[in-house]
Amino acid sequence: MPKDIRFTIDVLELPSGEIPMEEAFTSFGEVSPDLLAAVEAGLIRLEYQSNHGGVFTEAITKKVWCMRIRRNRNIARVFFTFRKGRKIILLWGFVKKTTKIPPKDRRKVINYERQVPTYA
């Protein structure tokens, strides 16, 4: 069996110094400590290529992906992108009770992806 490819995970830092994922992690914990723990466990799974795709992640655009974690009625979404050198850059996340991504949130995360340096 081939060895699973491992990625490193980093977060987007905007030119202003803001880190959108900080707000996301805070909101996950406010909704439920169990949800935050599940997201953290999901990020460990995300490090391994064999977990990319399927019901765990989905492509939003050619460059933006989303990891979905469900706990009770809450759905945490963590958006990320890939960069050369087996890197995953976490862009932003939020909690919703619906299965669809609102258009304004989709636009927001696409804008964040455009701010990731190509060499990141």
PDB file of N, CA and C in Angstrom:
ATOM      1  N   MET A   1       0.851  -1.183   0.000  1.00  0.00           N
ATOM      2  CA  MET A   1       0.000   0.000   0.000  1.00  0.00           C
ATOM      3  C   MET A   1       0.895   1.243   0.000  1.00  0.00           C
ATOM      4  N   PRO A   2       0.614   2.215  -0.885  1.00  0.00           N
ATOM      5  CA  PRO A   2       1.442   3.423  -0.930  1.00  0.00           C
ATOM      6  C   PRO A   2       1.287   4.253   0.337  1.00  0.00           C
ATOM      7  N   LYS A   3       2.356   4.962   0.658  1.00  0.00           N
ATOM      8  CA  LYS A   3       2.349   5.815   1.843  1.00  0.00           C
ATOM      9  C   LYS A   3       1.428   7.008   1.623  1.00  0.00           C
ATOM     10  N   ASP A   4       0.637   7.361   2.635  1.00  0.00           N
ATOM     11  CA  ASP A   4      -0.261   8.508   2.542  1.00  0.00           C
ATOM     12  C   ASP A   4       0.571   9.792   2.551  1.00  0.00           C
ATOM     13  N   ILE A   5       0.243  10.711   1.671  1.00  0.00           N
ATOM     14  CA  ILE A   5       0.970  11.971   1.572  1.00  0.00           C
ATOM     15  C   ILE A   5       0.460  12.928   2.642  1.00  0.00           C
ATOM     16  N   ARG A   6       1.399  13.526   3.360  1.00  0.00           N
ATOM     17  CA  ARG A   6       1.049  14.439   4.437  1.00  0.00           C
ATOM     18  C   ARG A   6       1.284  15.888   4.010  1.00  0.00           C
ATOM     19  N   PHE A   7       0.347  16.749   4.375  1.00  0.00           N
ATOM     20  CA  PHE A   7       0.412  18.172   4.084  1.00  0.00           C
ATOM     21  C   PHE A   7       0.677  18.938   5.378  1.00  0.00           C
ATOM     22  N   THR A   8       1.238  20.129   5.249  1.00  0.00           N
ATOM     23  CA  THR A   8       1.334  21.023   6.395  1.00  0.00           C
ATOM     24  C   THR A   8       0.174  22.011   6.302  1.00  0.00           C
ATOM     25  N   ILE A   9      -0.300  22.445   7.450  1.00  0.00           N
ATOM     26  CA  ILE A   9      -1.444  23.365   7.506  1.00  0.00           C
ATOM     27  C   ILE A   9      -1.001  24.677   8.122  1.00  0.00           C
ATOM     28  N   ASP A  10      -1.397  25.760   7.479  1.00  0.00           N
ATOM     29  CA  ASP A  10      -1.119  27.108   7.972  1.00  0.00           C
ATOM     30  C   ASP A  10      -2.403  27.918   7.828  1.00  0.00           C
ATOM     31  N   VAL A  11      -2.401  29.131   8.357  1.00  0.00           N
ATOM     32  CA  VAL A  11      -3.584  29.992   8.253  1.00  0.00           C
ATOM     33  C   VAL A  11      -3.247  31.250   7.455  1.00  0.00           C
ATOM     34  N   LEU A  12      -4.264  31.787   6.817  1.00  0.00           N
ATOM     35  CA  LEU A  12      -4.120  33.036   6.079  1.00  0.00           C
ATOM     36  C   LEU A  12      -3.991  34.191   7.058  1.00  0.00           C
ATOM     37  N   GLU A  13      -2.969  35.018   6.838  1.00  0.00           N
ATOM     38  CA  GLU A  13      -2.863  36.285   7.555  1.00  0.00           C
ATOM     39  C   GLU A  13      -2.999  37.396   6.523  1.00  0.00           C
ATOM     40  N   LEU A  14      -3.992  38.253   6.709  1.00  0.00           N
ATOM     41  CA  LEU A  14      -4.248  39.353   5.776  1.00  0.00           C
ATOM     42  C   LEU A  14      -3.193  40.446   5.960  1.00  0.00           C
ATOM     43  N   PRO A  15      -3.008  41.305   4.958  1.00  0.00           N
ATOM     44  CA  PRO A  15      -2.037  42.399   5.089  1.00  0.00           C
ATOM     45  C   PRO A  15      -2.262  43.264   6.332  1.00  0.00           C
ATOM     46  N   SER A  16      -3.506  43.351   6.783  1.00  0.00           N
ATOM     47  CA  SER A  16      -3.830  44.137   7.983  1.00  0.00           C
ATOM     48  C   SER A  16      -3.375  43.443   9.272  1.00  0.00           C
ATOM     49  N   GLY A  17      -2.954  42.178   9.153  1.00  0.00           N
ATOM     50  CA  GLY A  17      -2.583  41.408  10.336  1.00  0.00           C
ATOM     51  C   GLY A  17      -3.719  40.535  10.851  1.00  0.00           C
ATOM     52  N   GLU A  18      -4.912  40.749  10.319  1.00  0.00           N
ATOM     53  CA  GLU A  18      -6.079  39.949  10.724  1.00  0.00           C
ATOM     54  C   GLU A  18      -5.906  38.500  10.257  1.00  0.00           C
ATOM     55  N   ILE A  19      -6.322  37.575  11.107  1.00  0.00           N
ATOM     56  CA  ILE A  19      -6.314  36.151  10.773  1.00  0.00           C
ATOM     57  C   ILE A  19      -7.758  35.665  10.849  1.00  0.00           C
ATOM     58  N   PRO A  20      -8.429  35.535   9.701  1.00  0.00           N
ATOM     59  CA  PRO A  20      -9.849  35.181   9.695  1.00  0.00           C
ATOM     60  C   PRO A  20     -10.170  33.891  10.462  1.00  0.00           C
ATOM     61  N   MET A  21      -9.267  32.939  10.492  1.00  0.00           N
ATOM     62  CA  MET A  21      -9.553  31.682  11.199  1.00  0.00           C
ATOM     63  C   MET A  21      -9.642  31.858  12.706  1.00  0.00           C
ATOM     64  N   GLU A  22      -9.035  32.913  13.262  1.00  0.00           N
ATOM     65  CA  GLU A  22      -9.154  33.143  14.712  1.00  0.00           C
ATOM     66  C   GLU A  22     -10.613  33.355  15.095  1.00  0.00           C
ATOM     67  N   GLU A  23     -11.311  34.176  14.312  1.00  0.00           N
ATOM     68  CA  GLU A  23     -12.737  34.417  14.544  1.00  0.00           C
ATOM     69  C   GLU A  23     -13.529  33.120  14.404  1.00  0.00           C
ATOM     70  N   ALA A  24     -13.148  32.317  13.413  1.00  0.00           N
ATOM     71  CA  ALA A  24     -13.852  31.055  13.180  1.00  0.00           C
ATOM     72  C   ALA A  24     -13.696  30.115  14.373  1.00  0.00           C
ATOM     73  N   PHE A  25     -12.462  29.950  14.849  1.00  0.00           N
ATOM     74  CA  PHE A  25     -12.250  29.057  15.985  1.00  0.00           C
ATOM     75  C   PHE A  25     -13.014  29.538  17.215  1.00  0.00           C
ATOM     76  N   THR A  26     -13.053  30.845  17.416  1.00  0.00           N
ATOM     77  CA  THR A  26     -13.821  31.398  18.539  1.00  0.00           C
ATOM     78  C   THR A  26     -15.296  31.050  18.392  1.00  0.00           C
ATOM     79  N   SER A  27     -15.838  31.214  17.195  1.00  0.00           N
ATOM     80  CA  SER A  27     -17.267  30.931  16.997  1.00  0.00           C
ATOM     81  C   SER A  27     -17.566  29.442  17.161  1.00  0.00           C
ATOM     82  N   PHE A  28     -16.660  28.564  16.725  1.00  0.00           N
ATOM     83  CA  PHE A  28     -16.883  27.126  16.909  1.00  0.00           C
ATOM     84  C   PHE A  28     -16.983  26.798  18.396  1.00  0.00           C
ATOM     85  N   GLY A  29     -16.074  27.360  19.197  1.00  0.00           N
ATOM     86  CA  GLY A  29     -16.082  27.106  20.638  1.00  0.00           C
ATOM     87  C   GLY A  29     -17.295  27.687  21.331  1.00  0.00           C
ATOM     88  N   GLU A  30     -17.773  28.847  20.861  1.00  0.00           N
ATOM     89  CA  GLU A  30     -18.963  29.466  21.456  1.00  0.00           C
ATOM     90  C   GLU A  30     -20.208  28.646  21.184  1.00  0.00           C
ATOM     91  N   VAL A  31     -20.276  28.049  20.012  1.00  0.00           N
ATOM     92  CA  VAL A  31     -21.428  27.206  19.680  1.00  0.00           C
ATOM     93  C   VAL A  31     -21.415  25.961  20.539  1.00  0.00           C
ATOM     94  N   SER A  32     -20.246  25.328  20.637  1.00  0.00           N
ATOM     95  CA  SER A  32     -20.142  24.098  21.412  1.00  0.00           C
ATOM     96  C   SER A  32     -18.678  23.681  21.525  1.00  0.00           C
ATOM     97  N   PRO A  33     -18.226  23.394  22.743  1.00  0.00           N
ATOM     98  CA  PRO A  33     -16.865  22.868  22.887  1.00  0.00           C
ATOM     99  C   PRO A  33     -16.670  21.568  22.098  1.00  0.00           C
ATOM    100  N   ASP A  34     -17.735  20.770  21.996  1.00  0.00           N
ATOM    101  CA  ASP A  34     -17.656  19.528  21.210  1.00  0.00           C
ATOM    102  C   ASP A  34     -17.434  19.821  19.729  1.00  0.00           C
ATOM    103  N   LEU A  35     -18.069  20.884  19.227  1.00  0.00           N
ATOM    104  CA  LEU A  35     -17.887  21.257  17.830  1.00  0.00           C
ATOM    105  C   LEU A  35     -16.442  21.700  17.587  1.00  0.00           C
ATOM    106  N   LEU A  36     -15.902  22.506  18.483  1.00  0.00           N
ATOM    107  CA  LEU A  36     -14.514  22.955  18.345  1.00  0.00           C
ATOM    108  C   LEU A  36     -13.564  21.761  18.366  1.00  0.00           C
ATOM    109  N   ALA A  37     -13.775  20.834  19.275  1.00  0.00           N
ATOM    110  CA  ALA A  37     -12.930  19.645  19.344  1.00  0.00           C
ATOM    111  C   ALA A  37     -13.033  18.815  18.065  1.00  0.00           C
ATOM    112  N   ALA A  38     -14.226  18.734  17.506  1.00  0.00           N
ATOM    113  CA  ALA A  38     -14.417  17.975  16.270  1.00  0.00           C
ATOM    114  C   ALA A  38     -13.712  18.655  15.093  1.00  0.00           C
ATOM    115  N   VAL A  39     -13.739  19.980  15.056  1.00  0.00           N
ATOM    116  CA  VAL A  39     -13.030  20.704  14.000  1.00  0.00           C
ATOM    117  C   VAL A  39     -11.527  20.477  14.137  1.00  0.00           C
ATOM    118  N   GLU A  40     -11.019  20.553  15.353  1.00  0.00           N
ATOM    119  CA  GLU A  40      -9.593  20.319  15.570  1.00  0.00           C
ATOM    120  C   GLU A  40      -9.197  18.910  15.125  1.00  0.00           C
ATOM    121  N   ALA A  41     -10.022  17.926  15.439  1.00  0.00           N
ATOM    122  CA  ALA A  41      -9.758  16.554  14.992  1.00  0.00           C
ATOM    123  C   ALA A  41      -9.835  16.463  13.467  1.00  0.00           C
ATOM    124  N   GLY A  42     -10.771  17.197  12.878  1.00  0.00           N
ATOM    125  CA  GLY A  42     -10.899  17.215  11.424  1.00  0.00           C
ATOM    126  C   GLY A  42      -9.666  17.787  10.752  1.00  0.00           C
ATOM    127  N   LEU A  43      -9.062  18.801  11.369  1.00  0.00           N
ATOM    128  CA  LEU A  43      -7.852  19.383  10.799  1.00  0.00           C
ATOM    129  C   LEU A  43      -6.692  18.398  10.818  1.00  0.00           C
ATOM    130  N   ILE A  44      -6.637  17.563  11.820  1.00  0.00           N
ATOM    131  CA  ILE A  44      -5.605  16.513  11.858  1.00  0.00           C
ATOM    132  C   ILE A  44      -5.838  15.537  10.710  1.00  0.00           C
ATOM    133  N   ARG A  45      -7.084  15.172  10.483  1.00  0.00           N
ATOM    134  CA  ARG A  45      -7.413  14.289   9.342  1.00  0.00           C
ATOM    135  C   ARG A  45      -7.066  14.949   8.019  1.00  0.00           C
ATOM    136  N   LEU A  46      -7.280  16.265   7.935  1.00  0.00           N
ATOM    137  CA  LEU A  46      -7.056  16.997   6.691  1.00  0.00           C
ATOM    138  C   LEU A  46      -5.587  16.986   6.272  1.00  0.00           C
ATOM    139  N   GLU A  47      -4.695  16.783   7.219  1.00  0.00           N
ATOM    140  CA  GLU A  47      -3.269  16.738   6.899  1.00  0.00           C
ATOM    141  C   GLU A  47      -2.935  15.615   5.911  1.00  0.00           C
ATOM    142  N   TYR A  48      -3.769  14.608   5.842  1.00  0.00           N
ATOM    143  CA  TYR A  48      -3.465  13.425   5.027  1.00  0.00           C
ATOM    144  C   TYR A  48      -4.302  13.403   3.752  1.00  0.00           C
ATOM    145  N   GLN A  49      -3.620  13.243   2.630  1.00  0.00           N
ATOM    146  CA  GLN A  49      -4.265  13.298   1.324  1.00  0.00           C
ATOM    147  C   GLN A  49      -5.400  12.297   1.174  1.00  0.00           C
ATOM    148  N   SER A  50      -5.312  11.155   1.819  1.00  0.00           N
ATOM    149  CA  SER A  50      -6.360  10.146   1.669  1.00  0.00           C
ATOM    150  C   SER A  50      -7.711  10.637   2.188  1.00  0.00           C
ATOM    151  N   ASN A  51      -7.713  11.715   2.977  1.00  0.00           N
ATOM    152  CA  ASN A  51      -8.959  12.272   3.505  1.00  0.00           C
ATOM    153  C   ASN A  51      -9.511  13.420   2.663  1.00  0.00           C
ATOM    154  N   HIS A  52      -8.827  13.763   1.582  1.00  0.00           N
ATOM    155  CA  HIS A  52      -9.306  14.856   0.720  1.00  0.00           C
ATOM    156  C   HIS A  52     -10.351  14.296  -0.237  1.00  0.00           C
ATOM    157  N   GLY A  53     -11.507  14.923  -0.254  1.00  0.00           N
ATOM    158  CA  GLY A  53     -12.584  14.460  -1.107  1.00  0.00           C
ATOM    159  C   GLY A  53     -13.613  13.672  -0.314  1.00  0.00           C
ATOM    160  N   GLY A  54     -14.521  13.034  -1.004  1.00  0.00           N
ATOM    161  CA  GLY A  54     -15.568  12.257  -0.345  1.00  0.00           C
ATOM    162  C   GLY A  54     -16.527  13.147   0.416  1.00  0.00           C
ATOM    163  N   VAL A  55     -17.056  12.648   1.505  1.00  0.00           N
ATOM    164  CA  VAL A  55     -18.030  13.418   2.284  1.00  0.00           C
ATOM    165  C   VAL A  55     -17.357  14.390   3.246  1.00  0.00           C
ATOM    166  N   PHE A  56     -16.059  14.259   3.433  1.00  0.00           N
ATOM    167  CA  PHE A  56     -15.309  15.079   4.391  1.00  0.00           C
ATOM    168  C   PHE A  56     -14.991  16.470   3.846  1.00  0.00           C
ATOM    169  N   THR A  57     -14.626  16.547   2.562  1.00  0.00           N
ATOM    170  CA  THR A  57     -14.309  17.827   1.940  1.00  0.00           C
ATOM    171  C   THR A  57     -14.993  17.923   0.576  1.00  0.00           C
ATOM    172  N   GLU A  58     -15.154  19.153   0.113  1.00  0.00           N
ATOM    173  CA  GLU A  58     -15.727  19.360  -1.211  1.00  0.00           C
ATOM    174  C   GLU A  58     -15.080  20.579  -1.846  1.00  0.00           C
ATOM    175  N   ALA A  59     -14.968  20.555  -3.168  1.00  0.00           N
ATOM    176  CA  ALA A  59     -14.449  21.697  -3.903  1.00  0.00           C
ATOM    177  C   ALA A  59     -15.552  22.733  -4.043  1.00  0.00           C
ATOM    178  N   ILE A  60     -15.229  23.969  -3.707  1.00  0.00           N
ATOM    179  CA  ILE A  60     -16.158  25.084  -3.861  1.00  0.00           C
ATOM    180  C   ILE A  60     -15.880  25.771  -5.201  1.00  0.00           C
ATOM    181  N   THR A  61     -14.606  25.941  -5.517  1.00  0.00           N
ATOM    182  CA  THR A  61     -14.139  26.430  -6.813  1.00  0.00           C
ATOM    183  C   THR A  61     -12.924  25.568  -7.163  1.00  0.00           C
ATOM    184  N   LYS A  62     -12.230  25.916  -8.237  1.00  0.00           N
ATOM    185  CA  LYS A  62     -11.019  25.169  -8.586  1.00  0.00           C
ATOM    186  C   LYS A  62      -9.923  25.339  -7.546  1.00  0.00           C
ATOM    187  N   LYS A  63      -9.985  26.435  -6.786  1.00  0.00           N
ATOM    188  CA  LYS A  63      -8.918  26.730  -5.823  1.00  0.00           C
ATOM    189  C   LYS A  63      -9.360  26.707  -4.365  1.00  0.00           C
ATOM    190  N   VAL A  64     -10.649  26.662  -4.108  1.00  0.00           N
ATOM    191  CA  VAL A  64     -11.154  26.717  -2.727  1.00  0.00           C
ATOM    192  C   VAL A  64     -11.892  25.432  -2.400  1.00  0.00           C
ATOM    193  N   TRP A  65     -11.537  24.869  -1.254  1.00  0.00           N
ATOM    194  CA  TRP A  65     -12.159  23.643  -0.758  1.00  0.00           C
ATOM    195  C   TRP A  65     -12.799  23.923   0.591  1.00  0.00           C
ATOM    196  N   CYS A  66     -13.687  23.039   0.988  1.00  0.00           N
ATOM    197  CA  CYS A  66     -14.390  23.199   2.256  1.00  0.00           C
ATOM    198  C   CYS A  66     -14.407  21.877   3.008  1.00  0.00           C
ATOM    199  N   MET A  67     -14.024  21.924   4.278  1.00  0.00           N
ATOM    200  CA  MET A  67     -14.140  20.774   5.167  1.00  0.00           C
ATOM    201  C   MET A  67     -15.422  20.977   5.974  1.00  0.00           C
ATOM    202  N   ARG A  68     -16.256  19.946   6.032  1.00  0.00           N
ATOM    203  CA  ARG A  68     -17.512  20.024   6.774  1.00  0.00           C
ATOM    204  C   ARG A  68     -17.454  19.110   8.000  1.00  0.00           C
ATOM    205  N   ILE A  69     -17.839  19.676   9.135  1.00  0.00           N
ATOM    206  CA  ILE A  69     -17.914  18.903  10.374  1.00  0.00           C
ATOM    207  C   ILE A  69     -19.299  19.134  10.963  1.00  0.00           C
ATOM    208  N   ARG A  70     -20.005  18.066  11.204  1.00  0.00           N
ATOM    209  CA  ARG A  70     -21.355  18.176  11.763  1.00  0.00           C
ATOM    210  C   ARG A  70     -21.363  17.655  13.210  1.00  0.00           C
ATOM    211  N   ARG A  71     -21.949  18.462  14.092  1.00  0.00           N
ATOM    212  CA  ARG A  71     -22.193  18.057  15.475  1.00  0.00           C
ATOM    213  C   ARG A  71     -23.600  18.506  15.829  1.00  0.00           C
ATOM    214  N   ASN A  72     -24.425  17.543  16.159  1.00  0.00           N
ATOM    215  CA  ASN A  72     -25.835  17.813  16.431  1.00  0.00           C
ATOM    216  C   ASN A  72     -26.447  18.518  15.231  1.00  0.00           C
ATOM    217  N   ARG A  73     -27.000  19.689  15.414  1.00  0.00           N
ATOM    218  CA  ARG A  73     -27.633  20.400  14.285  1.00  0.00           C
ATOM    219  C   ARG A  73     -26.711  21.449  13.666  1.00  0.00           C
ATOM    220  N   ASN A  74     -25.501  21.539  14.156  1.00  0.00           N
ATOM    221  CA  ASN A  74     -24.569  22.559  13.668  1.00  0.00           C
ATOM    222  C   ASN A  74     -23.609  21.967  12.646  1.00  0.00           C
ATOM    223  N   ILE A  75     -23.311  22.758  11.631  1.00  0.00           N
ATOM    224  CA  ILE A  75     -22.354  22.367  10.604  1.00  0.00           C
ATOM    225  C   ILE A  75     -21.243  23.402  10.590  1.00  0.00           C
ATOM    226  N   ALA A  76     -20.054  22.980  10.978  1.00  0.00           N
ATOM    227  CA  ALA A  76     -18.889  23.860  10.884  1.00  0.00           C
ATOM    228  C   ALA A  76     -18.291  23.683   9.503  1.00  0.00           C
ATOM    229  N   ARG A  77     -17.943  24.784   8.886  1.00  0.00           N
ATOM    230  CA  ARG A  77     -17.290  24.752   7.580  1.00  0.00           C
ATOM    231  C   ARG A  77     -15.958  25.478   7.720  1.00  0.00           C
ATOM    232  N   VAL A  78     -14.911  24.832   7.244  1.00  0.00           N
ATOM    233  CA  VAL A  78     -13.584  25.441   7.225  1.00  0.00           C
ATOM    234  C   VAL A  78     -13.134  25.445   5.770  1.00  0.00           C
ATOM    235  N   PHE A  79     -12.880  26.638   5.255  1.00  0.00           N
ATOM    236  CA  PHE A  79     -12.465  26.789   3.866  1.00  0.00           C
ATOM    237  C   PHE A  79     -10.950  26.836   3.788  1.00  0.00           C
ATOM    238  N   PHE A  80     -10.416  26.220   2.746  1.00  0.00           N
ATOM    239  CA  PHE A  80      -8.964  26.168   2.609  1.00  0.00           C
ATOM    240  C   PHE A  80      -8.577  26.101   1.145  1.00  0.00           C
ATOM    241  N   THR A  81      -7.295  26.314   0.906  1.00  0.00           N
ATOM    242  CA  THR A  81      -6.740  26.214  -0.433  1.00  0.00           C
ATOM    243  C   THR A  81      -5.421  25.470  -0.344  1.00  0.00           C
ATOM    244  N   PHE A  82      -4.970  24.968  -1.474  1.00  0.00           N
ATOM    245  CA  PHE A  82      -3.702  24.261  -1.541  1.00  0.00           C
ATOM    246  C   PHE A  82      -2.647  25.162  -2.170  1.00  0.00           C
ATOM    247  N   ARG A  83      -1.406  24.988  -1.745  1.00  0.00           N
ATOM    248  CA  ARG A  83      -0.275  25.663  -2.361  1.00  0.00           C
ATOM    249  C   ARG A  83       0.839  24.647  -2.588  1.00  0.00           C
ATOM    250  N   LYS A  84       1.776  25.015  -3.451  1.00  0.00           N
ATOM    251  CA  LYS A  84       2.895  24.124  -3.764  1.00  0.00           C
ATOM    252  C   LYS A  84       3.643  23.753  -2.496  1.00  0.00           C
ATOM    253  N   GLY A  85       4.241  22.598  -2.533  1.00  0.00           N
ATOM    254  CA  GLY A  85       4.998  22.128  -1.377  1.00  0.00           C
ATOM    255  C   GLY A  85       4.133  21.434  -0.342  1.00  0.00           C
ATOM    256  N   ARG A  86       3.001  20.874  -0.806  1.00  0.00           N
ATOM    257  CA  ARG A  86       2.079  20.154   0.083  1.00  0.00           C
ATOM    258  C   ARG A  86       1.615  21.016   1.258  1.00  0.00           C
ATOM    259  N   LYS A  87       1.156  22.206   0.930  1.00  0.00           N
ATOM    260  CA  LYS A  87       0.668  23.137   1.945  1.00  0.00           C
ATOM    261  C   LYS A  87      -0.831  23.345   1.799  1.00  0.00           C
ATOM    262  N   ILE A  88      -1.494  23.402   2.932  1.00  0.00           N
ATOM    263  CA  ILE A  88      -2.903  23.774   3.012  1.00  0.00           C
ATOM    264  C   ILE A  88      -2.967  25.076   3.795  1.00  0.00           C
ATOM    265  N   ILE A  89      -3.648  26.058   3.226  1.00  0.00           N
ATOM    266  CA  ILE A  89      -3.821  27.342   3.895  1.00  0.00           C
ATOM    267  C   ILE A  89      -5.289  27.466   4.292  1.00  0.00           C
ATOM    268  N   LEU A  90      -5.539  27.547   5.600  1.00  0.00           N
ATOM    269  CA  LEU A  90      -6.906  27.736   6.094  1.00  0.00           C
ATOM    270  C   LEU A  90      -7.287  29.195   5.866  1.00  0.00           C
ATOM    271  N   LEU A  91      -8.435  29.404   5.235  1.00  0.00           N
ATOM    272  CA  LEU A  91      -8.865  30.752   4.865  1.00  0.00           C
ATOM    273  C   LEU A  91      -9.830  31.359   5.871  1.00  0.00           C
ATOM    274  N   TRP A  92     -10.855  30.608   6.220  1.00  0.00           N
ATOM    275  CA  TRP A  92     -11.931  31.148   7.040  1.00  0.00           C
ATOM    276  C   TRP A  92     -12.895  30.020   7.364  1.00  0.00           C
ATOM    277  N   GLY A  93     -13.762  30.230   8.320  1.00  0.00           N
ATOM    278  CA  GLY A  93     -14.770  29.234   8.644  1.00  0.00           C
ATOM    279  C   GLY A  93     -15.954  29.860   9.346  1.00  0.00           C
ATOM    280  N   PHE A  94     -17.035  29.105   9.397  1.00  0.00           N
ATOM    281  CA  PHE A  94     -18.233  29.579  10.093  1.00  0.00           C
ATOM    282  C   PHE A  94     -19.114  28.388  10.446  1.00  0.00           C
ATOM    283  N   VAL A  95     -20.139  28.658  11.232  1.00  0.00           N
ATOM    284  CA  VAL A  95     -21.106  27.630  11.633  1.00  0.00           C
ATOM    285  C   VAL A  95     -22.460  28.016  11.062  1.00  0.00           C
ATOM    286  N   LYS A  96     -23.095  27.061  10.415  1.00  0.00           N
ATOM    287  CA  LYS A  96     -24.445  27.259   9.885  1.00  0.00           C
ATOM    288  C   LYS A  96     -25.265  26.014  10.192  1.00  0.00           C
ATOM    289  N   LYS A  97     -26.550  26.174  10.156  1.00  0.00           N
ATOM    290  CA  LYS A  97     -27.437  25.034  10.349  1.00  0.00           C
ATOM    291  C   LYS A  97     -28.010  24.553   9.026  1.00  0.00           C
ATOM    292  N   THR A  98     -27.588  25.192   7.934  1.00  0.00           N
ATOM    293  CA  THR A  98     -28.074  24.818   6.612  1.00  0.00           C
ATOM    294  C   THR A  98     -26.975  24.099   5.838  1.00  0.00           C
ATOM    295  N   THR A  99     -27.352  23.391   4.803  1.00  0.00           N
ATOM    296  CA  THR A  99     -26.375  22.651   4.030  1.00  0.00           C
ATOM    297  C   THR A  99     -25.778  23.469   2.892  1.00  0.00           C
ATOM    298  N   LYS A 100     -26.412  24.578   2.520  1.00  0.00           N
ATOM    299  CA  LYS A 100     -25.905  25.402   1.425  1.00  0.00           C
ATOM    300  C   LYS A 100     -25.034  26.531   1.957  1.00  0.00           C
ATOM    301  N   ILE A 101     -24.075  26.933   1.129  1.00  0.00           N
ATOM    302  CA  ILE A 101     -23.207  28.057   1.470  1.00  0.00           C
ATOM    303  C   ILE A 101     -23.829  29.324   0.877  1.00  0.00           C
ATOM    304  N   PRO A 102     -24.154  30.298   1.734  1.00  0.00           N
ATOM    305  CA  PRO A 102     -24.745  31.540   1.222  1.00  0.00           C
ATOM    306  C   PRO A 102     -23.800  32.230   0.231  1.00  0.00           C
ATOM    307  N   PRO A 103     -24.355  32.851  -0.818  1.00  0.00           N
ATOM    308  CA  PRO A 103     -23.522  33.507  -1.835  1.00  0.00           C
ATOM    309  C   PRO A 103     -22.540  34.531  -1.272  1.00  0.00           C
ATOM    310  N   LYS A 104     -22.952  35.324  -0.268  1.00  0.00           N
ATOM    311  CA  LYS A 104     -22.034  36.330   0.282  1.00  0.00           C
ATOM    312  C   LYS A 104     -20.852  35.672   0.977  1.00  0.00           C
ATOM    313  N   ASP A 105     -21.071  34.525   1.615  1.00  0.00           N
ATOM    314  CA  ASP A 105     -19.967  33.805   2.260  1.00  0.00           C
ATOM    315  C   ASP A 105     -19.049  33.171   1.213  1.00  0.00           C
ATOM    316  N   ARG A 106     -19.620  32.699   0.132  1.00  0.00           N
ATOM    317  CA  ARG A 106     -18.827  32.149  -0.971  1.00  0.00           C
ATOM    318  C   ARG A 106     -17.918  33.242  -1.557  1.00  0.00           C
ATOM    319  N   ARG A 107     -18.476  34.425  -1.784  1.00  0.00           N
ATOM    320  CA  ARG A 107     -17.679  35.533  -2.319  1.00  0.00           C
ATOM    321  C   ARG A 107     -16.560  35.926  -1.350  1.00  0.00           C
ATOM    322  N   LYS A 108     -16.884  35.925  -0.072  1.00  0.00           N
ATOM    323  CA  LYS A 108     -15.900  36.304   0.947  1.00  0.00           C
ATOM    324  C   LYS A 108     -14.704  35.354   0.931  1.00  0.00           C
ATOM    325  N   VAL A 109     -14.962  34.068   0.893  1.00  0.00           N
ATOM    326  CA  VAL A 109     -13.867  33.104   0.942  1.00  0.00           C
ATOM    327  C   VAL A 109     -13.063  33.114  -0.358  1.00  0.00           C
ATOM    328  N   ILE A 110     -13.703  33.366  -1.475  1.00  0.00           N
ATOM    329  CA  ILE A 110     -12.974  33.481  -2.747  1.00  0.00           C
ATOM    330  C   ILE A 110     -12.044  34.692  -2.690  1.00  0.00           C
ATOM    331  N   ASN A 111     -12.509  35.785  -2.101  1.00  0.00           N
ATOM    332  CA  ASN A 111     -11.665  36.965  -1.930  1.00  0.00           C
ATOM    333  C   ASN A 111     -10.465  36.639  -1.033  1.00  0.00           C
ATOM    334  N   TYR A 112     -10.686  35.900   0.038  1.00  0.00           N
ATOM    335  CA  TYR A 112      -9.575  35.508   0.913  1.00  0.00           C
ATOM    336  C   TYR A 112      -8.549  34.670   0.137  1.00  0.00           C
ATOM    337  N   GLU A 113      -9.025  33.747  -0.690  1.00  0.00           N
ATOM    338  CA  GLU A 113      -8.092  32.896  -1.443  1.00  0.00           C
ATOM    339  C   GLU A 113      -7.210  33.744  -2.345  1.00  0.00           C
ATOM    340  N   ARG A 114      -7.758  34.784  -2.909  1.00  0.00           N
ATOM    341  CA  ARG A 114      -6.989  35.660  -3.802  1.00  0.00           C
ATOM    342  C   ARG A 114      -5.892  36.415  -3.057  1.00  0.00           C
ATOM    343  N   GLN A 115      -6.012  36.483  -1.735  1.00  0.00           N
ATOM    344  CA  GLN A 115      -5.013  37.191  -0.942  1.00  0.00           C
ATOM    345  C   GLN A 115      -3.889  36.284  -0.440  1.00  0.00           C
ATOM    346  N   VAL A 116      -3.979  35.001  -0.730  1.00  0.00           N
ATOM    347  CA  VAL A 116      -2.910  34.078  -0.342  1.00  0.00           C
ATOM    348  C   VAL A 116      -1.783  34.200  -1.368  1.00  0.00           C
ATOM    349  N   PRO A 117      -0.570  34.479  -0.923  1.00  0.00           N
ATOM    350  CA  PRO A 117       0.538  34.549  -1.869  1.00  0.00           C
ATOM    351  C   PRO A 117       0.691  33.199  -2.598  1.00  0.00           C
ATOM    352  N   THR A 118       1.080  33.258  -3.860  1.00  0.00           N
ATOM    353  CA  THR A 118       1.227  32.022  -4.643  1.00  0.00           C
ATOM    354  C   THR A 118       2.353  31.156  -4.089  1.00  0.00           C
ATOM    355  N   TYR A 119       3.295  31.748  -3.405  1.00  0.00           N
ATOM    356  CA  TYR A 119       4.422  31.001  -2.846  1.00  0.00           C
ATOM    357  C   TYR A 119       4.167  30.516  -1.436  1.00  0.00           C
ATOM    358  N   ALA A 120       2.983  30.829  -0.864  1.00  0.00           N
ATOM    359  CA  ALA A 120       2.685  30.483   0.539  1.00  0.00           C
ATOM    360  C   ALA A 120       2.865  29.012   0.799  1.00  0.00           C
TER     361      ALA A 120
END
